[in-house]
């Protein structure tokens, strides 16, 4: 019984991921829900921050990608400052 539950969960998750990737209105509605929940629920916000912090410290690939995005953003911002 446990395997069938897991199988249907994976199938449903796959459908949701495909819909999220291909349906802009669905994606925006989900983003709005999570954005409002993040703003209005301190426990959810704390849990989200802890999860991101743990992933950063425990996943070297994620940390590498995060640092690379930061470097690009910082170099872009420095370039913008020099134009003023």
N, C-alpha and C. Protein backbone atom coordinates (compact mmCIF):
# COMPACT_ATOMS: atom_id res chain seq x y z
N UNK A 1 0.83 -1.20 0.00
CA UNK A 1 0.00 0.00 0.00
C UNK A 1 0.87 1.26 0.00
N UNK A 2 1.96 1.20 0.70
CA UNK A 2 2.85 2.35 0.77
C UNK A 2 3.42 2.69 -0.60
N UNK A 3 3.76 1.67 -1.40
CA UNK A 3 4.32 1.92 -2.73
C UNK A 3 3.32 2.61 -3.65
N UNK A 4 2.05 2.22 -3.58
CA UNK A 4 1.05 2.86 -4.44
C UNK A 4 0.85 4.31 -4.04
N UNK A 5 0.89 4.59 -2.74
CA UNK A 5 0.77 5.98 -2.29
C UNK A 5 1.95 6.81 -2.81
N UNK A 6 3.13 6.24 -2.73
CA UNK A 6 4.32 6.92 -3.19
C UNK A 6 4.27 7.13 -4.70
N UNK A 7 3.79 6.14 -5.42
CA UNK A 7 3.68 6.23 -6.87
C UNK A 7 2.70 7.32 -7.29
N UNK A 8 1.55 7.37 -6.65
CA UNK A 8 0.57 8.41 -7.01
C UNK A 8 1.08 9.79 -6.61
N UNK A 9 1.82 9.87 -5.50
CA UNK A 9 2.41 11.14 -5.08
C UNK A 9 3.40 11.63 -6.15
N UNK A 10 4.27 10.73 -6.61
CA UNK A 10 5.26 11.11 -7.63
C UNK A 10 4.57 11.52 -8.93
N UNK A 11 3.52 10.81 -9.31
CA UNK A 11 2.79 11.12 -10.54
C UNK A 11 2.13 12.50 -10.42
N UNK A 12 1.52 12.78 -9.27
CA UNK A 12 0.88 14.07 -9.05
C UNK A 12 1.92 15.19 -9.03
N UNK A 13 3.06 14.93 -8.39
CA UNK A 13 4.13 15.93 -8.33
C UNK A 13 4.65 16.24 -9.73
N UNK A 14 4.79 15.21 -10.55
CA UNK A 14 5.26 15.41 -11.92
C UNK A 14 4.27 16.28 -12.71
N UNK A 15 2.97 16.02 -12.56
CA UNK A 15 1.95 16.82 -13.25
C UNK A 15 2.01 18.28 -12.79
N UNK A 16 2.15 18.48 -11.46
CA UNK A 16 2.22 19.84 -10.95
C UNK A 16 3.46 20.57 -11.46
N UNK A 17 4.58 19.88 -11.50
CA UNK A 17 5.81 20.50 -12.00
C UNK A 17 5.68 20.89 -13.46
N UNK A 18 5.08 20.01 -14.26
CA UNK A 18 4.87 20.33 -15.67
C UNK A 18 3.92 21.52 -15.83
N UNK A 19 2.88 21.54 -15.04
CA UNK A 19 1.93 22.65 -15.13
C UNK A 19 2.59 23.95 -14.67
N UNK A 20 3.38 23.87 -13.61
CA UNK A 20 4.08 25.06 -13.12
C UNK A 20 5.03 25.59 -14.19
N UNK A 21 5.69 24.69 -14.90
CA UNK A 21 6.65 25.10 -15.93
C UNK A 21 5.97 25.67 -17.16
N UNK A 22 4.76 25.19 -17.48
CA UNK A 22 4.14 25.53 -18.76
C UNK A 22 2.94 26.47 -18.68
N UNK A 23 2.46 26.76 -17.49
CA UNK A 23 1.25 27.58 -17.35
C UNK A 23 1.56 28.84 -16.54
N UNK A 24 1.80 29.96 -17.21
CA UNK A 24 2.19 31.19 -16.51
C UNK A 24 1.16 31.67 -15.48
N UNK A 25 -0.13 31.50 -15.78
CA UNK A 25 -1.15 31.95 -14.83
C UNK A 25 -1.12 31.10 -13.56
N UNK A 26 -0.96 29.79 -13.72
CA UNK A 26 -0.86 28.89 -12.58
C UNK A 26 0.38 29.24 -11.75
N UNK A 27 1.50 29.47 -12.43
CA UNK A 27 2.75 29.81 -11.75
C UNK A 27 2.59 31.11 -10.95
N UNK A 28 1.99 32.11 -11.57
CA UNK A 28 1.80 33.39 -10.87
C UNK A 28 0.87 33.24 -9.68
N UNK A 29 -0.17 32.43 -9.80
CA UNK A 29 -1.08 32.25 -8.66
C UNK A 29 -0.37 31.57 -7.50
N UNK A 30 0.48 30.58 -7.80
CA UNK A 30 1.22 29.90 -6.74
C UNK A 30 2.25 30.84 -6.11
N UNK A 31 2.92 31.63 -6.92
CA UNK A 31 3.90 32.57 -6.39
C UNK A 31 3.23 33.59 -5.47
N UNK A 32 2.04 34.04 -5.86
CA UNK A 32 1.30 34.99 -5.04
C UNK A 32 0.94 34.38 -3.69
N UNK A 33 0.48 33.12 -3.71
CA UNK A 33 0.13 32.43 -2.46
C UNK A 33 1.33 32.35 -1.54
N UNK A 34 2.47 31.90 -2.08
CA UNK A 34 3.67 31.74 -1.25
C UNK A 34 4.21 33.08 -0.78
N UNK A 35 4.14 34.10 -1.63
CA UNK A 35 4.61 35.43 -1.26
C UNK A 35 3.79 35.98 -0.08
N UNK A 36 2.47 35.84 -0.17
CA UNK A 36 1.61 36.32 0.91
C UNK A 36 1.83 35.53 2.19
N UNK A 37 1.99 34.23 2.05
CA UNK A 37 2.23 33.39 3.23
C UNK A 37 3.56 33.77 3.88
N UNK A 38 4.58 34.00 3.07
CA UNK A 38 5.90 34.37 3.59
C UNK A 38 5.82 35.70 4.34
N UNK A 39 5.06 36.64 3.80
CA UNK A 39 4.94 37.96 4.43
C UNK A 39 4.12 37.92 5.72
N UNK A 40 3.10 37.06 5.77
CA UNK A 40 2.15 37.11 6.87
C UNK A 40 2.33 36.04 7.95
N UNK A 41 3.17 35.05 7.70
CA UNK A 41 3.32 33.95 8.65
C UNK A 41 4.77 33.87 9.13
N UNK A 42 5.06 34.40 10.32
CA UNK A 42 6.45 34.41 10.80
C UNK A 42 7.05 33.02 10.97
N UNK A 43 6.23 32.04 11.36
CA UNK A 43 6.76 30.68 11.52
C UNK A 43 7.17 30.10 10.16
N UNK A 44 6.36 30.32 9.15
CA UNK A 44 6.69 29.84 7.81
C UNK A 44 7.95 30.55 7.30
N UNK A 45 8.05 31.85 7.53
CA UNK A 45 9.22 32.61 7.10
C UNK A 45 10.49 32.07 7.77
N UNK A 46 10.41 31.81 9.07
CA UNK A 46 11.56 31.29 9.81
C UNK A 46 11.95 29.90 9.28
N UNK A 47 10.97 29.06 9.05
CA UNK A 47 11.23 27.72 8.53
C UNK A 47 11.88 27.79 7.15
N UNK A 48 11.41 28.70 6.30
CA UNK A 48 11.95 28.87 4.96
C UNK A 48 13.40 29.35 5.03
N UNK A 49 13.67 30.31 5.90
CA UNK A 49 15.04 30.82 6.04
C UNK A 49 15.99 29.75 6.55
N UNK A 50 15.53 28.95 7.53
CA UNK A 50 16.37 27.88 8.06
C UNK A 50 16.65 26.84 6.99
N UNK A 51 15.65 26.51 6.19
CA UNK A 51 15.82 25.54 5.12
C UNK A 51 16.84 26.03 4.11
N UNK A 52 16.74 27.27 3.72
CA UNK A 52 17.69 27.84 2.75
C UNK A 52 19.10 27.87 3.35
N UNK A 53 19.21 28.24 4.61
CA UNK A 53 20.50 28.29 5.28
C UNK A 53 21.13 26.89 5.34
N UNK A 54 20.31 25.89 5.70
CA UNK A 54 20.82 24.52 5.76
C UNK A 54 21.26 24.03 4.39
N UNK A 55 20.48 24.34 3.38
CA UNK A 55 20.84 23.90 2.03
C UNK A 55 22.15 24.55 1.60
N UNK A 56 22.31 25.82 1.90
CA UNK A 56 23.54 26.53 1.53
C UNK A 56 24.75 25.88 2.18
N UNK A 57 24.63 25.51 3.46
CA UNK A 57 25.76 24.94 4.17
C UNK A 57 26.01 23.48 3.83
N UNK A 58 24.98 22.75 3.43
CA UNK A 58 25.11 21.31 3.22
C UNK A 58 25.23 20.87 1.76
N UNK A 59 24.98 21.76 0.83
CA UNK A 59 25.00 21.39 -0.59
C UNK A 59 26.04 22.23 -1.33
N UNK A 60 27.22 21.65 -1.59
CA UNK A 60 28.29 22.43 -2.21
C UNK A 60 27.93 22.99 -3.59
N UNK A 61 27.16 22.25 -4.39
CA UNK A 61 26.76 22.74 -5.71
C UNK A 61 25.85 23.97 -5.59
N UNK A 62 24.93 23.92 -4.65
CA UNK A 62 24.02 25.04 -4.43
C UNK A 62 24.82 26.26 -3.94
N UNK A 63 25.75 26.03 -3.03
CA UNK A 63 26.58 27.12 -2.51
C UNK A 63 27.39 27.75 -3.64
N UNK A 64 27.97 26.91 -4.50
CA UNK A 64 28.77 27.41 -5.62
C UNK A 64 27.91 28.26 -6.56
N UNK A 65 26.71 27.77 -6.88
CA UNK A 65 25.81 28.52 -7.76
C UNK A 65 25.37 29.83 -7.13
N UNK A 66 25.11 29.80 -5.82
CA UNK A 66 24.70 31.01 -5.11
C UNK A 66 25.81 32.05 -5.12
N UNK A 67 27.03 31.63 -4.87
CA UNK A 67 28.17 32.55 -4.88
C UNK A 67 28.39 33.13 -6.27
N UNK A 68 28.22 32.30 -7.30
CA UNK A 68 28.40 32.78 -8.67
C UNK A 68 27.34 33.83 -9.02
N UNK A 69 26.09 33.60 -8.63
CA UNK A 69 25.03 34.60 -8.86
C UNK A 69 25.36 35.90 -8.13
N UNK A 70 25.87 35.77 -6.93
CA UNK A 70 26.23 36.95 -6.14
C UNK A 70 27.35 37.74 -6.82
N UNK A 71 28.35 37.03 -7.32
CA UNK A 71 29.47 37.71 -8.00
C UNK A 71 28.97 38.47 -9.24
N UNK A 72 28.09 37.82 -10.01
CA UNK A 72 27.55 38.47 -11.21
C UNK A 72 26.76 39.71 -10.83
N UNK A 73 25.93 39.58 -9.80
CA UNK A 73 25.11 40.70 -9.36
C UNK A 73 25.99 41.85 -8.87
N UNK A 74 27.02 41.53 -8.09
CA UNK A 74 27.91 42.57 -7.57
C UNK A 74 28.70 43.25 -8.68
N UNK A 75 29.19 42.48 -9.64
CA UNK A 75 29.94 43.10 -10.73
C UNK A 75 29.02 43.96 -11.59
N UNK A 76 27.79 43.54 -11.77
CA UNK A 76 26.82 44.33 -12.53
C UNK A 76 26.52 45.63 -11.79
N UNK A 77 26.34 45.54 -10.45
CA UNK A 77 26.06 46.74 -9.66
C UNK A 77 27.25 47.70 -9.67
N UNK A 78 28.45 47.18 -9.64
CA UNK A 78 29.63 48.05 -9.70
C UNK A 78 29.71 48.76 -11.03
N UNK A 79 29.34 48.06 -12.09
CA UNK A 79 29.32 48.67 -13.42
C UNK A 79 28.30 49.77 -13.52
N UNK A 80 27.15 49.57 -12.88
CA UNK A 80 26.09 50.59 -12.90
C UNK A 80 26.51 51.82 -12.12
N UNK A 81 27.25 51.64 -11.02
CA UNK A 81 27.70 52.77 -10.20
C UNK A 81 28.70 53.63 -10.95
N UNK A 82 29.54 53.01 -11.78
CA UNK A 82 30.57 53.77 -12.46
C UNK A 82 30.01 54.67 -13.56
N UNK A 83 28.78 54.41 -14.01
CA UNK A 83 28.15 55.21 -15.05
C UNK A 83 27.62 56.54 -14.52
N UNK A 84 27.42 56.62 -13.22
CA UNK A 84 26.83 57.84 -12.64
C UNK A 84 27.79 58.97 -12.54
